[in-house]
Amino acid sequence: MKLVIENACIEGIDLAGKTTLYTNIHKRTGWRYNIQDRGVLSMLVYASLNRRNTAVHERHLEVYLKNLNNIIVVLQPKWETIEERYNARGDEEQDLESLKKLHKLFEVVVSKIKDAPNVFLIDEDEESKMTFQACQFIKRYENNFGENCASHVHELVTASTKNELQGVEWHTEFKSSDIDFMSMQCSGILRDPDEGEYYKRILTELFTNIDDEMQGKGNGVAQKVVTSRRFIYTDDSCISLIHGQCREGSTDMNIRIVCRSTNVTKTLPLDAKFFVLACGKFIQMLDPGMNRVVRLHVTLNSAHLIA
């Protein structure tokens, strides 16, 4: 199960090497990613530098980071490096005084988000090492996210210094042909003494809902194809919505899961495995013979550290 990086933003003070890193990552990855040179973090820092209201930018930064398909790579060289580069080539926008202020502001803001799983800090000055570290982070983050999603959410909430974040989300992709192996690795949660029976109930109700829809018990029209929008499970418990769709003419399957309330310490490690089993139920019933790309979208309306 692989994360899809939607946005990669390179941040840092003027003369930090952002444009060079931007170009090098593109060259090394074949222009695979949507990379921005500056974004919400710089908006916040420069608003603070110019004494504008920073509240809206703080909210935008939080929203950006709560989507775990977004990453930020921050370049934070020592002040002596920035000063040396300025003396060598100058800067069209900043002087040494404003650069010194910006360097400090970036340090302050980055210190508040540096422990988030989708933020990567580089204090290396040498170009090739910067490029290598950034590309390694990107590769590791997207390839290992599936097995680490629960710990990443825990890190995100902890890094926020809050007990709760609302609207944490991510989406991953995998081939439907891989689901049997994935489900086998996750099936042990059905024997969990605290949550096992809850997960079994949801899977049973999900199976019943899909089967009823395909037989026409809901609206009297049996579904000869798998493109119904009514293959859905809803409840007022913690896992509150599971919705699967296969659209006509598409080789993709989209599965959306919404959790009303999630204890990221106790239950999310189990829930993350249950999400795989729920995907397996859709694939088993709707399209067992196809090798589709399955896109799993997860939203945690309340991701909290305490009950």
Protein backbone atom coordinates (compact mmCIF):
# COMPACT_ATOMS: atom_id res chain seq x y z
CA MET A 1 0.00 0.00 0.00
CA LYS A 2 1.63 3.18 -1.20
CA LEU A 3 0.98 6.79 -0.30
CA VAL A 4 0.48 9.23 -3.17
CA ILE A 5 2.35 12.48 -2.52
CA GLU A 6 0.08 15.25 -3.75
CA ASN A 7 2.19 18.27 -2.88
CA ALA A 8 5.84 18.62 -1.93
CA CYS A 9 6.85 22.07 -0.76
CA ILE A 10 10.43 23.26 -0.33
CA GLU A 11 10.71 25.93 2.35
CA GLY A 12 13.47 28.03 3.83
CA ILE A 13 15.06 31.42 4.06
CA ASP A 14 16.32 33.32 1.00
CA LEU A 15 19.73 31.94 -0.14
CA ALA A 16 19.06 28.59 1.53
CA GLY A 17 19.27 26.70 -1.77
CA LYS A 18 15.57 26.04 -2.43
CA THR A 19 15.63 26.62 -6.19
CA THR A 20 18.67 24.40 -6.61
CA LEU A 21 17.07 21.62 -4.58
CA TYR A 22 13.80 22.04 -6.50
CA THR A 23 15.62 21.50 -9.80
CA ASN A 24 17.74 18.62 -8.52
CA ILE A 25 14.77 16.67 -7.10
CA HIS A 26 12.91 17.04 -10.39
CA LYS A 27 15.92 15.82 -12.36
CA ARG A 28 16.54 12.90 -10.02
CA THR A 29 12.89 11.75 -9.95
CA GLY A 30 12.00 12.43 -13.58
CA TRP A 31 9.68 15.35 -12.77
CA ARG A 32 7.37 12.94 -10.99
CA TYR A 33 6.15 15.19 -8.19
CA ASN A 34 4.25 18.44 -7.88
CA ILE A 35 6.89 20.54 -6.10
CA GLN A 36 6.45 24.11 -4.91
CA ASP A 37 9.25 26.56 -4.18
CA ARG A 38 7.77 28.15 -1.02
CA GLY A 39 4.26 27.69 0.31
CA VAL A 40 2.19 28.01 3.47
CA LEU A 41 5.19 28.01 5.82
CA SER A 42 6.82 30.96 4.04
CA MET A 43 3.47 32.77 3.98
CA LEU A 44 3.40 32.53 7.77
CA VAL A 45 7.03 33.61 8.25
CA TYR A 46 6.84 36.59 5.91
CA ALA A 47 3.51 37.69 7.39
CA SER A 48 5.22 37.72 10.77
CA LEU A 49 8.24 39.61 9.37
CA ASN A 50 5.96 42.31 7.94
CA ARG A 51 3.75 42.41 11.05
CA ARG A 52 0.62 41.19 9.30
CA ASN A 53 -2.04 39.05 10.97
CA THR A 54 -0.65 35.51 11.05
CA ALA A 55 -3.76 33.64 12.26
CA VAL A 56 -5.02 32.71 8.80
CA HIS A 57 -1.58 31.45 7.76
CA GLU A 58 -1.26 29.37 10.93
CA ARG A 59 -4.60 27.72 10.06
CA HIS A 60 -3.50 27.13 6.46
CA LEU A 61 -0.27 25.48 7.67
CA GLU A 62 -2.20 23.19 10.01
CA VAL A 63 -4.65 22.21 7.26
CA TYR A 64 -1.78 21.51 4.87
CA LEU A 65 -0.05 19.23 7.36
CA LYS A 66 -3.25 17.41 8.35
CA ASN A 67 -3.36 16.06 4.81
CA LEU A 68 -0.66 13.43 5.09
CA ASN A 69 -0.34 13.33 1.29
CA ASN A 70 1.40 16.71 1.61
CA ILE A 71 5.04 17.04 2.66
CA ILE A 72 7.33 19.95 3.53
CA VAL A 73 11.10 19.88 3.08
CA VAL A 74 12.70 22.68 5.08
CA LEU A 75 16.20 23.95 4.35
CA GLN A 76 17.71 25.46 7.48
CA PRO A 77 21.42 26.21 7.00
CA LYS A 78 23.43 27.93 9.71
CA TRP A 79 23.34 31.71 9.78
CA GLU A 80 27.04 31.84 8.87
CA THR A 81 26.26 30.06 5.60
CA ILE A 82 23.50 32.53 4.70
CA GLU A 83 25.75 35.47 5.56
CA GLU A 84 28.57 34.07 3.43
CA ARG A 85 26.26 33.57 0.45
CA TYR A 86 24.85 37.08 0.80
CA ASN A 87 28.31 38.62 0.86
CA ALA A 88 29.23 36.60 -2.23
CA ARG A 89 26.22 37.35 -4.41
CA GLY A 90 23.76 39.57 -2.58
CA ASP A 91 19.96 39.25 -2.79
CA GLU A 92 17.35 41.21 -4.74
CA GLU A 93 14.86 41.37 -1.87
CA GLN A 94 16.70 41.13 1.44
CA ASP A 95 19.62 42.74 3.23
CA LEU A 96 21.65 41.25 6.07
CA GLU A 97 19.37 42.73 8.71
CA SER A 98 16.17 41.32 7.25
CA LEU A 99 17.87 37.99 6.54
CA LYS A 100 18.92 37.73 10.17
CA LYS A 101 15.30 38.31 11.26
CA LEU A 102 14.01 35.77 8.74
CA HIS A 103 16.53 33.17 9.89
CA LYS A 104 15.30 33.51 13.44
CA LEU A 105 11.62 33.48 12.41
CA PHE A 106 12.09 30.31 10.39
CA GLU A 107 13.81 28.68 13.36
CA VAL A 108 10.89 29.56 15.64
CA VAL A 109 8.14 28.38 13.27
CA VAL A 110 9.96 25.21 12.21
CA SER A 111 10.59 24.24 15.83
CA LYS A 112 6.81 23.94 16.23
CA ILE A 113 6.28 21.55 13.32
CA LYS A 114 9.59 19.70 12.93
CA ASP A 115 8.30 16.55 14.66
CA ALA A 116 5.39 16.12 12.24
CA PRO A 117 5.92 13.00 10.09
CA ASN A 118 5.48 14.90 6.82
CA VAL A 119 8.06 17.59 7.66
CA PHE A 120 11.73 16.94 6.86
CA LEU A 121 14.44 19.29 8.07
CA ILE A 122 17.78 19.58 6.22
CA ASP A 123 20.62 21.54 7.81
CA GLU A 124 23.17 20.29 5.27
CA ASP A 125 24.92 22.89 3.08
CA GLU A 126 26.45 20.66 0.41
CA GLU A 127 24.22 20.42 -2.70
CA SER A 128 24.55 16.71 -3.48
CA LYS A 129 23.92 15.71 0.15
CA MET A 130 20.83 17.94 0.32
CA THR A 131 19.43 16.32 -2.81
CA PHE A 132 20.20 12.80 -1.60
CA GLN A 133 18.58 13.37 1.81
CA ALA A 134 15.46 14.97 0.35
CA CYS A 135 14.95 12.20 -2.23
CA GLN A 136 15.52 9.49 0.37
CA PHE A 137 12.92 11.06 2.65
CA ILE A 138 10.36 11.27 -0.16
CA LYS A 139 10.93 7.66 -1.22
CA ARG A 140 10.81 6.33 2.34
CA TYR A 141 7.72 8.33 3.24
CA GLU A 142 5.59 7.27 0.28
CA ASN A 143 6.70 3.62 0.18
CA ASN A 144 6.45 2.87 3.91
CA PHE A 145 3.36 4.89 4.75
CA GLY A 146 0.92 1.97 4.60
CA GLU A 147 2.60 0.08 7.43
CA ASN A 148 3.31 3.26 9.40
CA CYS A 149 0.12 5.29 8.95
CA ALA A 150 -1.04 4.84 12.55
CA SER A 151 2.31 5.95 13.98
CA HIS A 152 2.42 8.87 11.55
CA VAL A 153 -0.98 10.11 12.71
CA HIS A 154 0.14 9.74 16.32
CA GLU A 155 3.27 11.77 15.56
CA LEU A 156 1.19 14.43 13.80
CA VAL A 157 -1.21 14.88 16.72
CA THR A 158 1.63 14.84 19.25
CA ALA A 159 3.63 17.40 17.24
CA SER A 160 0.62 19.74 17.20
CA THR A 161 0.86 19.99 21.04
CA LYS A 162 -2.90 19.49 21.12
CA ASN A 163 -4.89 16.54 22.41
CA GLU A 164 -6.94 16.46 19.21
CA LEU A 165 -6.74 17.30 15.52
CA GLN A 166 -9.87 17.47 13.41
CA GLY A 167 -9.89 16.45 9.77
CA VAL A 168 -6.73 14.37 9.48
CA GLU A 169 -6.74 12.63 6.10
CA TRP A 170 -4.73 10.59 3.63
CA HIS A 171 -5.13 8.32 0.65
CA THR A 172 -3.13 5.34 -0.49
CA GLU A 173 -3.13 3.10 -3.55
CA PHE A 174 -2.63 -0.61 -4.15
CA LYS A 175 -3.48 -3.29 -6.70
CA SER A 176 -6.62 -5.29 -5.96
CA SER A 177 -4.66 -8.46 -6.78
CA ASP A 178 -2.59 -7.83 -3.62
CA ILE A 179 -5.57 -7.81 -1.27
CA ASP A 180 -5.46 -11.50 -0.27
CA PHE A 181 -1.91 -11.19 1.06
CA MET A 182 -2.67 -7.84 2.69
CA SER A 183 -5.81 -9.20 4.37
CA MET A 184 -3.96 -12.25 5.66
CA GLN A 185 -1.47 -9.94 7.40
CA CYS A 186 -4.31 -7.95 9.02
CA SER A 187 -6.87 -10.65 9.89
CA GLY A 188 -5.52 -11.13 13.41
CA ILE A 189 -7.35 -8.01 14.58
CA LEU A 190 -10.63 -9.93 14.34
CA ARG A 191 -9.47 -11.88 17.40
CA ASP A 192 -8.60 -8.77 19.39
CA PRO A 193 -10.35 -9.01 22.78
CA ASP A 194 -11.46 -5.38 22.79
CA GLU A 195 -12.20 -4.53 19.15
CA GLY A 196 -12.50 -7.87 17.34
CA GLU A 197 -16.27 -8.29 17.68
CA TYR A 198 -16.84 -4.68 16.61
CA TYR A 199 -14.85 -5.20 13.41
CA LYS A 200 -16.69 -8.46 12.68
CA ARG A 201 -20.04 -6.70 13.03
CA ILE A 202 -19.06 -3.98 10.59
CA LEU A 203 -17.82 -6.50 8.02
CA THR A 204 -21.04 -8.50 8.35
CA GLU A 205 -23.21 -5.41 7.90
CA LEU A 206 -21.07 -4.25 4.98
CA PHE A 207 -21.46 -7.66 3.30
CA THR A 208 -25.22 -7.58 3.86
CA ASN A 209 -25.57 -4.04 2.48
CA ILE A 210 -23.61 -4.86 -0.68
CA ASP A 211 -25.46 -8.15 -1.19
CA ASP A 212 -28.87 -6.52 -0.68
CA GLU A 213 -28.04 -3.80 -3.19
CA MET A 214 -26.87 -6.28 -5.80
CA GLN A 215 -30.09 -8.27 -5.36
CA GLY A 216 -32.30 -5.20 -5.53
CA LYS A 217 -33.64 -5.45 -1.98
CA GLY A 218 -33.10 -1.74 -1.38
CA ASN A 219 -34.94 -0.24 -4.35
CA GLY A 220 -36.28 -3.29 -6.13
CA VAL A 221 -33.69 -3.12 -8.94
CA ALA A 222 -30.95 -5.71 -8.90
CA GLN A 223 -27.52 -4.35 -9.84
CA LYS A 224 -26.18 -6.17 -12.90
CA VAL A 225 -23.10 -3.97 -12.78
CA VAL A 226 -20.96 -2.79 -9.89
CA THR A 227 -21.37 0.94 -10.50
CA SER A 228 -24.04 1.60 -7.87
CA ARG A 229 -23.43 4.52 -5.53
CA ARG A 230 -25.26 2.70 -2.75
CA PHE A 231 -22.56 0.22 -1.70
CA ILE A 232 -22.21 1.87 1.67
CA TYR A 233 -22.06 1.23 5.41
CA THR A 234 -23.01 3.94 7.89
CA ASP A 235 -23.19 3.99 11.67
CA ASP A 236 -22.89 6.41 14.58
CA SER A 237 -19.99 4.50 16.13
CA CYS A 238 -16.31 5.41 15.77
CA ILE A 239 -15.99 3.99 12.23
CA SER A 240 -18.99 5.81 10.82
CA LEU A 241 -18.84 5.47 7.02
CA ILE A 242 -17.42 3.05 4.46
CA HIS A 243 -18.31 3.75 0.83
CA GLY A 244 -17.01 1.90 -2.23
CA GLN A 245 -17.43 2.88 -5.86
CA CYS A 246 -16.43 1.41 -9.20
CA ARG A 247 -17.38 3.86 -11.92
CA GLU A 248 -18.31 2.81 -15.43
CA GLY A 249 -15.43 3.04 -17.87
CA SER A 250 -12.85 3.27 -15.07
CA THR A 251 -10.37 0.64 -13.97
CA ASP A 252 -10.16 2.20 -10.51
CA MET A 253 -12.01 1.42 -7.30
CA ASN A 254 -12.42 4.23 -4.77
CA ILE A 255 -13.10 3.37 -1.13
CA ARG A 256 -13.73 6.12 1.39
CA ILE A 257 -13.66 5.55 5.14
CA VAL A 258 -14.67 8.20 7.65
CA CYS A 259 -14.07 7.80 11.36
CA ARG A 260 -16.13 9.95 13.71
CA SER A 261 -13.73 9.56 16.62
CA THR A 262 -10.34 7.86 16.77
CA ASN A 263 -8.03 7.23 19.69
CA VAL A 264 -4.71 7.41 17.83
CA THR A 265 -2.84 5.67 20.63
CA LYS A 266 -5.12 2.75 21.44
CA THR A 267 -7.35 1.94 18.47
CA LEU A 268 -5.87 3.47 15.30
CA PRO A 269 -3.15 0.77 14.95
CA LEU A 270 -6.00 -1.77 14.85
CA ASP A 271 -8.32 0.40 12.77
CA ALA A 272 -5.65 0.83 10.09
CA LYS A 273 -5.57 -2.94 9.62
CA PHE A 274 -9.34 -3.08 9.60
CA PHE A 275 -9.41 -0.58 6.73
CA VAL A 276 -7.54 -3.20 4.68
CA LEU A 277 -10.12 -5.87 5.55
CA ALA A 278 -12.94 -3.52 4.56
CA CYS A 279 -11.26 -2.96 1.19
CA GLY A 280 -10.99 -6.71 0.82
CA LYS A 281 -14.73 -7.10 1.31
CA PHE A 282 -15.48 -4.65 -1.50
CA ILE A 283 -12.99 -6.31 -3.85
CA GLN A 284 -14.30 -9.79 -3.00
CA MET A 285 -17.92 -8.88 -3.70
CA LEU A 286 -17.74 -6.28 -6.46
CA ASP A 287 -14.84 -7.18 -8.69
CA PRO A 288 -12.91 -10.29 -7.63
CA GLY A 289 -11.53 -11.01 -11.10
CA MET A 290 -10.20 -7.57 -11.99
CA ASN A 291 -6.77 -6.15 -11.26
CA ARG A 292 -7.90 -2.65 -10.40
CA VAL A 293 -6.05 0.20 -8.80
CA VAL A 294 -7.73 0.60 -5.41
CA ARG A 295 -7.63 4.07 -3.89
CA LEU A 296 -8.34 4.13 -0.17
CA HIS A 297 -9.29 7.55 1.21
CA VAL A 298 -9.38 7.89 5.01
CA THR A 299 -10.64 10.83 7.04
CA LEU A 300 -10.39 11.04 10.83
CA ASN A 301 -12.87 13.69 11.94
CA SER A 302 -11.45 13.62 15.47
CA ALA A 303 -7.97 12.19 15.93
CA HIS A 304 -7.25 12.38 19.65
CA LEU A 305 -4.66 11.23 22.14
CA ILE A 306 -7.05 10.79 25.06
CA ALA A 307 -10.62 9.49 25.30
